[in-house]
Amino acid sequence: MTLQPQAAFRALSDPTRRTILTLLDDQPMTIAQVSDRFDMTRAAVKKHLTILKEGDLIRVEPRGRERINSLNPEGMRPVRDWLSHFDRFWDDKLDALKRTIETGEADND
C-alpha cells in the first residue's frame, strides 16, 4: 500500500471526519462553519480538516483570512482502487453460491 491510500484510510477511520466529508459534499465551508456543526473546539475541527487534507480528501483554498474547505472526490480514487481488488473475491464467492443453489452441490474449493 502506498502512502497516499494509507493517508486516505487514516482520514476515513474517524467518524467525525466521515461526517465532515458528508457536510463538504453539500457545499464548501470555512473552518468556522464546520465547527458550528460539532460540539468540539475549533482547534479540534482544524486538526480533523488537516488529516482530511493530508489524505487528499479535501481541498483548502485560502480566501483572505478564511480557508475554504471543499470535498476532493478524486481523493477517494486510491481507496476505491484498493477496495476493488477484493471485488474478485466476492464475485468468486457469489458465483460459487449461485452454482450451489442451482445444482444443489457445494464446490470443494
PDB file of N, CA and C in Angstrom:
ATOM      1  N   MET A   1       0.854  -1.171   0.000  1.00  0.00           N
ATOM      2  CA  MET A   1       0.000   0.000   0.000  1.00  0.00           C
ATOM      3  C   MET A   1       0.900   1.235   0.000  1.00  0.00           C
ATOM      4  N   THR A   2       0.637   2.171  -0.892  1.00  0.00           N
ATOM      5  CA  THR A   2       1.445   3.376  -0.943  1.00  0.00           C
ATOM      6  C   THR A   2       0.983   4.348   0.126  1.00  0.00           C
ATOM      7  N   LEU A   3       1.746   5.419   0.296  1.00  0.00           N
ATOM      8  CA  LEU A   3       1.439   6.404   1.330  1.00  0.00           C
ATOM      9  C   LEU A   3       0.087   7.061   1.092  1.00  0.00           C
ATOM     10  N   GLN A   4      -0.252   7.377  -0.156  1.00  0.00           N
ATOM     11  CA  GLN A   4      -1.496   8.083  -0.419  1.00  0.00           C
ATOM     12  C   GLN A   4      -2.729   7.298   0.046  1.00  0.00           C
ATOM     13  N   PRO A   5      -2.885   6.024  -0.310  1.00  0.00           N
ATOM     14  CA  PRO A   5      -4.048   5.303   0.225  1.00  0.00           C
ATOM     15  C   PRO A   5      -4.007   5.183   1.741  1.00  0.00           C
ATOM     16  N   GLN A   6      -2.820   5.042   2.297  1.00  0.00           N
ATOM     17  CA  GLN A   6      -2.706   4.924   3.746  1.00  0.00           C
ATOM     18  C   GLN A   6      -3.218   6.194   4.423  1.00  0.00           C
ATOM     19  N   ALA A   7      -2.862   7.350   3.897  1.00  0.00           N
ATOM     20  CA  ALA A   7      -3.325   8.620   4.464  1.00  0.00           C
ATOM     21  C   ALA A   7      -4.830   8.770   4.299  1.00  0.00           C
ATOM     22  N   ALA A   8      -5.360   8.311   3.173  1.00  0.00           N
ATOM     23  CA  ALA A   8      -6.808   8.386   2.952  1.00  0.00           C
ATOM     24  C   ALA A   8      -7.540   7.463   3.920  1.00  0.00           C
ATOM     25  N   PHE A   9      -7.037   6.252   4.115  1.00  0.00           N
ATOM     26  CA  PHE A   9      -7.669   5.339   5.062  1.00  0.00           C
ATOM     27  C   PHE A   9      -7.593   5.883   6.488  1.00  0.00           C
ATOM     28  N   ARG A  10      -6.477   6.505   6.829  1.00  0.00           N
ATOM     29  CA  ARG A  10      -6.358   7.129   8.157  1.00  0.00           C
ATOM     30  C   ARG A  10      -7.430   8.201   8.309  1.00  0.00           C
ATOM     31  N   ALA A  11      -7.590   9.018   7.290  1.00  0.00           N
ATOM     32  CA  ALA A  11      -8.586  10.091   7.347  1.00  0.00           C
ATOM     33  C   ALA A  11      -9.999   9.529   7.477  1.00  0.00           C
ATOM     34  N   LEU A  12     -10.277   8.447   6.779  1.00  0.00           N
ATOM     35  CA  LEU A  12     -11.623   7.854   6.798  1.00  0.00           C
ATOM     36  C   LEU A  12     -11.897   7.043   8.058  1.00  0.00           C
ATOM     37  N   SER A  13     -10.879   6.758   8.842  1.00  0.00           N
ATOM     38  CA  SER A  13     -11.060   5.884  10.001  1.00  0.00           C
ATOM     39  C   SER A  13     -11.851   6.526  11.138  1.00  0.00           C
ATOM     40  N   ASP A  14     -12.012   7.833  11.108  1.00  0.00           N
ATOM     41  CA  ASP A  14     -12.684   8.525  12.206  1.00  0.00           C
ATOM     42  C   ASP A  14     -14.100   8.948  11.800  1.00  0.00           C
ATOM     43  N   PRO A  15     -15.105   8.650  12.620  1.00  0.00           N
ATOM     44  CA  PRO A  15     -16.483   9.014  12.268  1.00  0.00           C
ATOM     45  C   PRO A  15     -16.707  10.517  12.127  1.00  0.00           C
ATOM     46  N   THR A  16     -16.003  11.315  12.906  1.00  0.00           N
ATOM     47  CA  THR A  16     -16.151  12.772  12.780  1.00  0.00           C
ATOM     48  C   THR A  16     -15.668  13.233  11.413  1.00  0.00           C
ATOM     49  N   ARG A  17     -14.550  12.686  10.958  1.00  0.00           N
ATOM     50  CA  ARG A  17     -14.036  13.076   9.644  1.00  0.00           C
ATOM     51  C   ARG A  17     -14.958  12.604   8.530  1.00  0.00           C
ATOM     52  N   ARG A  18     -15.559  11.444   8.688  1.00  0.00           N
ATOM     53  CA  ARG A  18     -16.519  10.993   7.672  1.00  0.00           C
ATOM     54  C   ARG A  18     -17.733  11.921   7.637  1.00  0.00           C
ATOM     55  N   THR A  19     -18.167  12.395   8.805  1.00  0.00           N
ATOM     56  CA  THR A  19     -19.278  13.351   8.858  1.00  0.00           C
ATOM     57  C   THR A  19     -18.887  14.662   8.191  1.00  0.00           C
ATOM     58  N   ILE A  20     -17.671  15.118   8.429  1.00  0.00           N
ATOM     59  CA  ILE A  20     -17.192  16.344   7.794  1.00  0.00           C
ATOM     60  C   ILE A  20     -17.209  16.190   6.277  1.00  0.00           C
ATOM     61  N   LEU A  21     -16.775  15.049   5.777  1.00  0.00           N
ATOM     62  CA  LEU A  21     -16.813  14.818   4.326  1.00  0.00           C
ATOM     63  C   LEU A  21     -18.235  14.913   3.791  1.00  0.00           C
ATOM     64  N   THR A  22     -19.177  14.379   4.533  1.00  0.00           N
ATOM     65  CA  THR A  22     -20.577  14.455   4.121  1.00  0.00           C
ATOM     66  C   THR A  22     -21.048  15.905   4.078  1.00  0.00           C
ATOM     67  N   LEU A  23     -20.650  16.689   5.068  1.00  0.00           N
ATOM     68  CA  LEU A  23     -21.010  18.113   5.075  1.00  0.00           C
ATOM     69  C   LEU A  23     -20.405  18.834   3.876  1.00  0.00           C
ATOM     70  N   LEU A  24     -19.146  18.541   3.583  1.00  0.00           N
ATOM     71  CA  LEU A  24     -18.477  19.212   2.478  1.00  0.00           C
ATOM     72  C   LEU A  24     -18.968  18.730   1.124  1.00  0.00           C
ATOM     73  N   ASP A  25     -19.621  17.584   1.104  1.00  0.00           N
ATOM     74  CA  ASP A  25     -20.230  17.107  -0.132  1.00  0.00           C
ATOM     75  C   ASP A  25     -21.380  18.026  -0.543  1.00  0.00           C
ATOM     76  N   ASP A  26     -22.049  18.628   0.438  1.00  0.00           N
ATOM     77  CA  ASP A  26     -23.161  19.544   0.158  1.00  0.00           C
ATOM     78  C   ASP A  26     -22.677  20.902  -0.323  1.00  0.00           C
ATOM     79  N   GLN A  27     -21.603  21.411   0.323  1.00  0.00           N
ATOM     80  CA  GLN A  27     -21.098  22.739  -0.026  1.00  0.00           C
ATOM     81  C   GLN A  27     -19.740  22.973   0.615  1.00  0.00           C
ATOM     82  N   PRO A  28     -18.896  23.807  -0.006  1.00  0.00           N
ATOM     83  CA  PRO A  28     -17.641  24.205   0.641  1.00  0.00           C
ATOM     84  C   PRO A  28     -17.945  24.989   1.914  1.00  0.00           C
ATOM     85  N   MET A  29     -17.074  24.863   2.902  1.00  0.00           N
ATOM     86  CA  MET A  29     -17.303  25.518   4.186  1.00  0.00           C
ATOM     87  C   MET A  29     -15.996  26.033   4.769  1.00  0.00           C
ATOM     88  N   THR A  30     -16.100  27.087   5.548  1.00  0.00           N
ATOM     89  CA  THR A  30     -14.958  27.581   6.316  1.00  0.00           C
ATOM     90  C   THR A  30     -14.787  26.700   7.555  1.00  0.00           C
ATOM     91  N   ILE A  31     -13.660  26.866   8.226  1.00  0.00           N
ATOM     92  CA  ILE A  31     -13.429  26.137   9.478  1.00  0.00           C
ATOM     93  C   ILE A  31     -14.520  26.479  10.486  1.00  0.00           C
ATOM     94  N   ALA A  32     -14.898  27.752  10.555  1.00  0.00           N
ATOM     95  CA  ALA A  32     -15.938  28.182  11.499  1.00  0.00           C
ATOM     96  C   ALA A  32     -17.272  27.517  11.186  1.00  0.00           C
ATOM     97  N   GLN A  33     -17.617  27.419   9.902  1.00  0.00           N
ATOM     98  CA  GLN A  33     -18.887  26.789   9.527  1.00  0.00           C
ATOM     99  C   GLN A  33     -18.888  25.307   9.886  1.00  0.00           C
ATOM    100  N   VAL A  34     -17.784  24.643   9.694  1.00  0.00           N
ATOM    101  CA  VAL A  34     -17.685  23.226  10.078  1.00  0.00           C
ATOM    102  C   VAL A  34     -17.762  23.115  11.597  1.00  0.00           C
ATOM    103  N   SER A  35     -17.046  23.973  12.292  1.00  0.00           N
ATOM    104  CA  SER A  35     -17.024  23.951  13.765  1.00  0.00           C
ATOM    105  C   SER A  35     -18.414  24.125  14.360  1.00  0.00           C
ATOM    106  N   ASP A  36     -19.231  24.944  13.720  1.00  0.00           N
ATOM    107  CA  ASP A  36     -20.587  25.183  14.214  1.00  0.00           C
ATOM    108  C   ASP A  36     -21.427  23.908  14.238  1.00  0.00           C
ATOM    109  N   ARG A  37     -21.046  22.913  13.481  1.00  0.00           N
ATOM    110  CA  ARG A  37     -21.821  21.665  13.382  1.00  0.00           C
ATOM    111  C   ARG A  37     -21.432  20.630  14.425  1.00  0.00           C
ATOM    112  N   PHE A  38     -20.385  20.917  15.202  1.00  0.00           N
ATOM    113  CA  PHE A  38     -19.868  19.937  16.153  1.00  0.00           C
ATOM    114  C   PHE A  38     -19.730  20.540  17.543  1.00  0.00           C
ATOM    115  N   ASP A  39     -19.799  19.684  18.536  1.00  0.00           N
ATOM    116  CA  ASP A  39     -19.593  20.088  19.916  1.00  0.00           C
ATOM    117  C   ASP A  39     -18.131  19.829  20.281  1.00  0.00           C
ATOM    118  N   MET A  40     -17.251  20.586  19.625  1.00  0.00           N
ATOM    119  CA  MET A  40     -15.820  20.487  19.898  1.00  0.00           C
ATOM    120  C   MET A  40     -15.190  21.830  19.548  1.00  0.00           C
ATOM    121  N   THR A  41     -13.971  22.002  19.970  1.00  0.00           N
ATOM    122  CA  THR A  41     -13.306  23.277  19.734  1.00  0.00           C
ATOM    123  C   THR A  41     -12.959  23.440  18.259  1.00  0.00           C
ATOM    124  N   ARG A  42     -12.750  24.685  17.892  1.00  0.00           N
ATOM    125  CA  ARG A  42     -12.339  24.978  16.522  1.00  0.00           C
ATOM    126  C   ARG A  42     -10.983  24.321  16.231  1.00  0.00           C
ATOM    127  N   ALA A  43     -10.099  24.297  17.232  1.00  0.00           N
ATOM    128  CA  ALA A  43      -8.781  23.663  17.066  1.00  0.00           C
ATOM    129  C   ALA A  43      -8.925  22.170  16.762  1.00  0.00           C
ATOM    130  N   ALA A  44      -9.874  21.507  17.427  1.00  0.00           N
ATOM    131  CA  ALA A  44     -10.098  20.075  17.177  1.00  0.00           C
ATOM    132  C   ALA A  44     -10.630  19.856  15.758  1.00  0.00           C
ATOM    133  N   VAL A  45     -11.536  20.716  15.325  1.00  0.00           N
ATOM    134  CA  VAL A  45     -12.071  20.610  13.958  1.00  0.00           C
ATOM    135  C   VAL A  45     -10.950  20.866  12.960  1.00  0.00           C
ATOM    136  N   LYS A  46     -10.102  21.847  13.234  1.00  0.00           N
ATOM    137  CA  LYS A  46      -8.986  22.151  12.332  1.00  0.00           C
ATOM    138  C   LYS A  46      -8.056  20.946  12.207  1.00  0.00           C
ATOM    139  N   LYS A  47      -7.844  20.240  13.304  1.00  0.00           N
ATOM    140  CA  LYS A  47      -6.997  19.045  13.250  1.00  0.00           C
ATOM    141  C   LYS A  47      -7.629  17.977  12.349  1.00  0.00           C
ATOM    142  N   HIS A  48      -8.941  17.785  12.479  1.00  0.00           N
ATOM    143  CA  HIS A  48      -9.639  16.828  11.607  1.00  0.00           C
ATOM    144  C   HIS A  48      -9.507  17.247  10.138  1.00  0.00           C
ATOM    145  N   LEU A  49      -9.665  18.535   9.875  1.00  0.00           N
ATOM    146  CA  LEU A  49      -9.549  19.035   8.499  1.00  0.00           C
ATOM    147  C   LEU A  49      -8.130  18.839   7.961  1.00  0.00           C
ATOM    148  N   THR A  50      -7.143  19.011   8.810  1.00  0.00           N
ATOM    149  CA  THR A  50      -5.754  18.797   8.399  1.00  0.00           C
ATOM    150  C   THR A  50      -5.532  17.345   7.990  1.00  0.00           C
ATOM    151  N   ILE A  51      -6.072  16.421   8.753  1.00  0.00           N
ATOM    152  CA  ILE A  51      -5.915  14.998   8.435  1.00  0.00           C
ATOM    153  C   ILE A  51      -6.653  14.666   7.130  1.00  0.00           C
ATOM    154  N   LEU A  52      -7.817  15.260   6.926  1.00  0.00           N
ATOM    155  CA  LEU A  52      -8.536  15.051   5.665  1.00  0.00           C
ATOM    156  C   LEU A  52      -7.732  15.604   4.485  1.00  0.00           C
ATOM    157  N   LYS A  53      -7.082  16.742   4.690  1.00  0.00           N
ATOM    158  CA  LYS A  53      -6.251  17.328   3.626  1.00  0.00           C
ATOM    159  C   LYS A  53      -5.034  16.442   3.358  1.00  0.00           C
ATOM    160  N   GLU A  54      -4.409  15.928   4.403  1.00  0.00           N
ATOM    161  CA  GLU A  54      -3.260  15.029   4.237  1.00  0.00           C
ATOM    162  C   GLU A  54      -3.658  13.768   3.470  1.00  0.00           C
ATOM    163  N   GLY A  55      -4.895  13.337   3.635  1.00  0.00           N
ATOM    164  CA  GLY A  55      -5.405  12.177   2.912  1.00  0.00           C
ATOM    165  C   GLY A  55      -5.880  12.523   1.514  1.00  0.00           C
ATOM    166  N   ASP A  56      -5.750  13.777   1.129  1.00  0.00           N
ATOM    167  CA  ASP A  56      -6.154  14.289  -0.187  1.00  0.00           C
ATOM    168  C   ASP A  56      -7.661  14.163  -0.418  1.00  0.00           C
ATOM    169  N   LEU A  57      -8.425  14.137   0.673  1.00  0.00           N
ATOM    170  CA  LEU A  57      -9.879  14.001   0.557  1.00  0.00           C
ATOM    171  C   LEU A  57     -10.586  15.346   0.496  1.00  0.00           C
ATOM    172  N   ILE A  58      -9.873  16.414   0.890  1.00  0.00           N
ATOM    173  CA  ILE A  58     -10.431  17.757   0.770  1.00  0.00           C
ATOM    174  C   ILE A  58      -9.379  18.685   0.175  1.00  0.00           C
ATOM    175  N   ARG A  59      -9.871  19.798  -0.362  1.00  0.00           N
ATOM    176  CA  ARG A  59      -9.003  20.884  -0.831  1.00  0.00           C
ATOM    177  C   ARG A  59      -9.226  22.065   0.103  1.00  0.00           C
ATOM    178  N   VAL A  60      -8.183  22.821   0.319  1.00  0.00           N
ATOM    179  CA  VAL A  60      -8.276  24.013   1.160  1.00  0.00           C
ATOM    180  C   VAL A  60      -7.804  25.200   0.335  1.00  0.00           C
ATOM    181  N   GLU A  61      -8.692  26.182   0.201  1.00  0.00           N
ATOM    182  CA  GLU A  61      -8.378  27.371  -0.591  1.00  0.00           C
ATOM    183  C   GLU A  61      -8.379  28.597   0.318  1.00  0.00           C
ATOM    184  N   PRO A  62      -7.206  29.230   0.480  1.00  0.00           N
ATOM    185  CA  PRO A  62      -7.185  30.459   1.272  1.00  0.00           C
ATOM    186  C   PRO A  62      -7.960  31.555   0.548  1.00  0.00           C
ATOM    187  N   ARG A  63      -8.819  32.223   1.284  1.00  0.00           N
ATOM    188  CA  ARG A  63      -9.573  33.342   0.736  1.00  0.00           C
ATOM    189  C   ARG A  63      -9.545  34.451   1.787  1.00  0.00           C
ATOM    190  N   GLY A  64      -8.609  35.384   1.615  1.00  0.00           N
ATOM    191  CA  GLY A  64      -8.417  36.401   2.641  1.00  0.00           C
ATOM    192  C   GLY A  64      -7.926  35.745   3.917  1.00  0.00           C
ATOM    193  N   ARG A  65      -8.617  36.009   5.005  1.00  0.00           N
ATOM    194  CA  ARG A  65      -8.243  35.413   6.293  1.00  0.00           C
ATOM    195  C   ARG A  65      -8.899  34.047   6.515  1.00  0.00           C
ATOM    196  N   GLU A  66      -9.796  33.665   5.633  1.00  0.00           N
ATOM    197  CA  GLU A  66     -10.503  32.392   5.779  1.00  0.00           C
ATOM    198  C   GLU A  66      -9.872  31.322   4.904  1.00  0.00           C
ATOM    199  N   ARG A  67     -10.161  30.093   5.269  1.00  0.00           N
ATOM    200  CA  ARG A  67      -9.748  28.933   4.473  1.00  0.00           C
ATOM    201  C   ARG A  67     -11.023  28.174   4.118  1.00  0.00           C
ATOM    202  N   ILE A  68     -11.273  28.054   2.833  1.00  0.00           N
ATOM    203  CA  ILE A  68     -12.475  27.377   2.354  1.00  0.00           C
ATOM    204  C   ILE A  68     -12.131  25.916   2.087  1.00  0.00           C
ATOM    205  N   ASN A  69     -12.858  25.029   2.753  1.00  0.00           N
ATOM    206  CA  ASN A  69     -12.649  23.582   2.631  1.00  0.00           C
ATOM    207  C   ASN A  69     -13.703  23.005   1.706  1.00  0.00           C
ATOM    208  N   SER A  70     -13.259  22.210   0.744  1.00  0.00           N
ATOM    209  CA  SER A  70     -14.204  21.573  -0.175  1.00  0.00           C
ATOM    210  C   SER A  70     -13.800  20.120  -0.393  1.00  0.00           C
ATOM    211  N   LEU A  71     -14.768  19.329  -0.747  1.00  0.00           N
ATOM    212  CA  LEU A  71     -14.546  17.906  -0.986  1.00  0.00           C
ATOM    213  C   LEU A  71     -13.689  17.717  -2.234  1.00  0.00           C
ATOM    214  N   ASN A  72     -12.760  16.784  -2.180  1.00  0.00           N
ATOM    215  CA  ASN A  72     -11.964  16.396  -3.343  1.00  0.00           C
ATOM    216  C   ASN A  72     -12.347  14.958  -3.706  1.00  0.00           C
ATOM    217  N   PRO A  73     -13.339  14.786  -4.579  1.00  0.00           N
ATOM    218  CA  PRO A  73     -13.798  13.427  -4.903  1.00  0.00           C
ATOM    219  C   PRO A  73     -12.696  12.531  -5.470  1.00  0.00           C
ATOM    220  N   GLU A  74     -11.733  13.114  -6.175  1.00  0.00           N
ATOM    221  CA  GLU A  74     -10.642  12.313  -6.739  1.00  0.00           C
ATOM    222  C   GLU A  74      -9.758  11.704  -5.657  1.00  0.00           C
ATOM    223  N   GLY A  75      -9.788  12.268  -4.462  1.00  0.00           N
ATOM    224  CA  GLY A  75      -9.011  11.724  -3.364  1.00  0.00           C
ATOM    225  C   GLY A  75      -9.470  10.341  -2.932  1.00  0.00           C
ATOM    226  N   MET A  76     -10.692   9.988  -3.313  1.00  0.00           N
ATOM    227  CA  MET A  76     -11.230   8.659  -2.976  1.00  0.00           C
ATOM    228  C   MET A  76     -10.728   7.580  -3.927  1.00  0.00           C
ATOM    229  N   ARG A  77     -10.128   7.990  -5.036  1.00  0.00           N
ATOM    230  CA  ARG A  77      -9.692   7.001  -6.036  1.00  0.00           C
ATOM    231  C   ARG A  77      -8.768   5.933  -5.454  1.00  0.00           C
ATOM    232  N   PRO A  78      -7.722   6.276  -4.666  1.00  0.00           N
ATOM    233  CA  PRO A  78      -6.864   5.217  -4.114  1.00  0.00           C
ATOM    234  C   PRO A  78      -7.626   4.247  -3.210  1.00  0.00           C
ATOM    235  N   VAL A  79      -8.605   4.744  -2.480  1.00  0.00           N
ATOM    236  CA  VAL A  79      -9.417   3.888  -1.612  1.00  0.00           C
ATOM    237  C   VAL A  79     -10.261   2.956  -2.476  1.00  0.00           C
ATOM    238  N   ARG A  80     -10.914   3.538  -3.471  1.00  0.00           N
ATOM    239  CA  ARG A  80     -11.762   2.763  -4.376  1.00  0.00           C
ATOM    240  C   ARG A  80     -10.933   1.700  -5.105  1.00  0.00           C
ATOM    241  N   ASP A  81      -9.731   2.084  -5.580  1.00  0.00           N
ATOM    242  CA  ASP A  81      -8.870   1.130  -6.286  1.00  0.00           C
ATOM    243  C   ASP A  81      -8.450  -0.019  -5.376  1.00  0.00           C
ATOM    244  N   TRP A  82      -8.104   0.311  -4.124  1.00  0.00           N
ATOM    245  CA  TRP A  82      -7.688  -0.729  -3.196  1.00  0.00           C
ATOM    246  C   TRP A  82      -8.841  -1.686  -2.896  1.00  0.00           C
ATOM    247  N   LEU A  83     -10.020  -1.127  -2.667  1.00  0.00           N
ATOM    248  CA  LEU A  83     -11.173  -1.972  -2.365  1.00  0.00           C
ATOM    249  C   LEU A  83     -11.602  -2.813  -3.567  1.00  0.00           C
ATOM    250  N   SER A  84     -11.428  -2.265  -4.768  1.00  0.00           N
ATOM    251  CA  SER A  84     -11.851  -3.003  -5.964  1.00  0.00           C
ATOM    252  C   SER A  84     -11.031  -4.273  -6.152  1.00  0.00           C
ATOM    253  N   HIS A  85      -9.847  -4.304  -5.564  1.00  0.00           N
ATOM    254  CA  HIS A  85      -9.027  -5.512  -5.616  1.00  0.00           C
ATOM    255  C   HIS A  85      -9.794  -6.710  -5.049  1.00  0.00           C
ATOM    256  N   PHE A  86     -10.671  -6.459  -4.091  1.00  0.00           N
ATOM    257  CA  PHE A  86     -11.397  -7.539  -3.428  1.00  0.00           C
ATOM    258  C   PHE A  86     -12.712  -7.892  -4.119  1.00  0.00           C
ATOM    259  N   ASP A  87     -13.062  -7.164  -5.159  1.00  0.00           N
ATOM    260  CA  ASP A  87     -14.269  -7.492  -5.914  1.00  0.00           C
ATOM    261  C   ASP A  87     -14.208  -8.911  -6.463  1.00  0.00           C
ATOM    262  N   ARG A  88     -13.020  -9.324  -6.937  1.00  0.00           N
ATOM    263  CA  ARG A  88     -12.869 -10.666  -7.493  1.00  0.00           C
ATOM    264  C   ARG A  88     -13.190 -11.723  -6.442  1.00  0.00           C
ATOM    265  N   PHE A  89     -12.751 -11.494  -5.216  1.00  0.00           N
ATOM    266  CA  PHE A  89     -13.032 -12.427  -4.131  1.00  0.00           C
ATOM    267  C   PHE A  89     -14.537 -12.614  -3.973  1.00  0.00           C
ATOM    268  N   TRP A  90     -15.267 -11.495  -3.891  1.00  0.00           N
ATOM    269  CA  TRP A  90     -16.708 -11.593  -3.698  1.00  0.00           C
ATOM    270  C   TRP A  90     -17.400 -12.155  -4.933  1.00  0.00           C
ATOM    271  N   ASP A  91     -16.925 -11.799  -6.107  1.00  0.00           N
ATOM    272  CA  ASP A  91     -17.508 -12.363  -7.326  1.00  0.00           C
ATOM    273  C   ASP A  91     -17.370 -13.879  -7.338  1.00  0.00           C
ATOM    274  N   ASP A  92     -16.180 -14.374  -6.968  1.00  0.00           N
ATOM    275  CA  ASP A  92     -15.955 -15.825  -6.930  1.00  0.00           C
ATOM    276  C   ASP A  92     -16.863 -16.491  -5.900  1.00  0.00           C
ATOM    277  N   LYS A  93     -16.977 -15.894  -4.725  1.00  0.00           N
ATOM    278  CA  LYS A  93     -17.816 -16.478  -3.667  1.00  0.00           C
ATOM    279  C   LYS A  93     -19.292 -16.477  -4.087  1.00  0.00           C
ATOM    280  N   LEU A  94     -19.748 -15.397  -4.680  1.00  0.00           N
ATOM    281  CA  LEU A  94     -21.154 -15.332  -5.108  1.00  0.00           C
ATOM    282  C   LEU A  94     -21.432 -16.284  -6.262  1.00  0.00           C
ATOM    283  N   ASP A  95     -20.460 -16.441  -7.173  1.00  0.00           N
ATOM    284  CA  ASP A  95     -20.617 -17.413  -8.256  1.00  0.00           C
ATOM    285  C   ASP A  95     -20.721 -18.829  -7.699  1.00  0.00           C
ATOM    286  N   ALA A  96     -19.892 -19.142  -6.702  1.00  0.00           N
ATOM    287  CA  ALA A  96     -19.930 -20.471  -6.080  1.00  0.00           C
ATOM    288  C   ALA A  96     -21.267 -20.690  -5.379  1.00  0.00           C
ATOM    289  N   LEU A  97     -21.777 -19.688  -4.704  1.00  0.00           N
ATOM    290  CA  LEU A  97     -23.074 -19.791  -4.044  1.00  0.00           C
ATOM    291  C   LEU A  97     -24.177 -20.020  -5.070  1.00  0.00           C
ATOM    292  N   LYS A  98     -24.120 -19.299  -6.167  1.00  0.00           N
ATOM    293  CA  LYS A  98     -25.123 -19.451  -7.228  1.00  0.00           C
ATOM    294  C   LYS A  98     -25.090 -20.882  -7.782  1.00  0.00           C
ATOM    295  N   ARG A  99     -23.868 -21.403  -8.038  1.00  0.00           N
ATOM    296  CA  ARG A  99     -23.753 -22.779  -8.546  1.00  0.00           C
ATOM    297  C   ARG A  99     -24.315 -23.777  -7.535  1.00  0.00           C
ATOM    298  N   THR A 100     -24.032 -23.545  -6.258  1.00  0.00           N
ATOM    299  CA  THR A 100     -24.522 -24.441  -5.207  1.00  0.00           C
ATOM    300  C   THR A 100     -26.044 -24.431  -5.169  1.00  0.00           C
ATOM    301  N   ILE A 101     -26.617 -23.274  -5.262  1.00  0.00           N
ATOM    302  CA  ILE A 101     -28.084 -23.165  -5.233  1.00  0.00           C
ATOM    303  C   ILE A 101     -28.692 -23.817  -6.462  1.00  0.00           C
ATOM    304  N   GLU A 102     -28.098 -23.586  -7.622  1.00  0.00           N
ATOM    305  CA  GLU A 102     -28.651 -24.128  -8.866  1.00  0.00           C
ATOM    306  C   GLU A 102     -28.480 -25.634  -8.979  1.00  0.00           C
ATOM    307  N   THR A 103     -27.347 -26.165  -8.493  1.00  0.00           N
ATOM    308  CA  THR A 103     -27.075 -27.586  -8.665  1.00  0.00           C
ATOM    309  C   THR A 103     -27.354 -28.399  -7.392  1.00  0.00           C
ATOM    310  N   GLY A 104     -27.385 -27.712  -6.279  1.00  0.00           N
ATOM    311  CA  GLY A 104     -27.582 -28.410  -5.016  1.00  0.00           C
ATOM    312  C   GLY A 104     -26.317 -29.089  -4.524  1.00  0.00           C
ATOM    313  N   GLU A 105     -25.181 -28.800  -5.160  1.00  0.00           N
ATOM    314  CA  GLU A 105     -23.888 -29.386  -4.777  1.00  0.00           C
ATOM    315  C   GLU A 105     -22.907 -28.281  -4.426  1.00  0.00           C
ATOM    316  N   ALA A 106     -22.178 -28.475  -3.361  1.00  0.00           N
ATOM    317  CA  ALA A 106     -21.167 -27.495  -2.965  1.00  0.00           C
ATOM    318  C   ALA A 106     -19.856 -27.776  -3.656  1.00  0.00           C
ATOM    319  N   ASP A 107     -19.117 -26.706  -4.023  1.00  0.00           N
ATOM    320  CA  ASP A 107     -17.769 -26.845  -4.577  1.00  0.00           C
ATOM    321  C   ASP A 107     -16.821 -27.187  -3.447  1.00  0.00           C
ATOM    322  N   ASN A 108     -15.748 -27.844  -3.779  1.00  0.00           N
ATOM    323  CA  ASN A 108     -14.728 -28.190  -2.787  1.00  0.00           C
ATOM    324  C   ASN A 108     -13.510 -27.306  -2.931  1.00  0.00           C
ATOM    325  N   ASP A 109     -13.716 -26.002  -3.187  1.00  0.00           N
ATOM    326  CA  ASP A 109     -12.599 -25.059  -3.369  1.00  0.00           C
ATOM    327  C   ASP A 109     -11.991 -24.746  -2.031  1.00  0.00           C
TER     328      ASP A 109
END
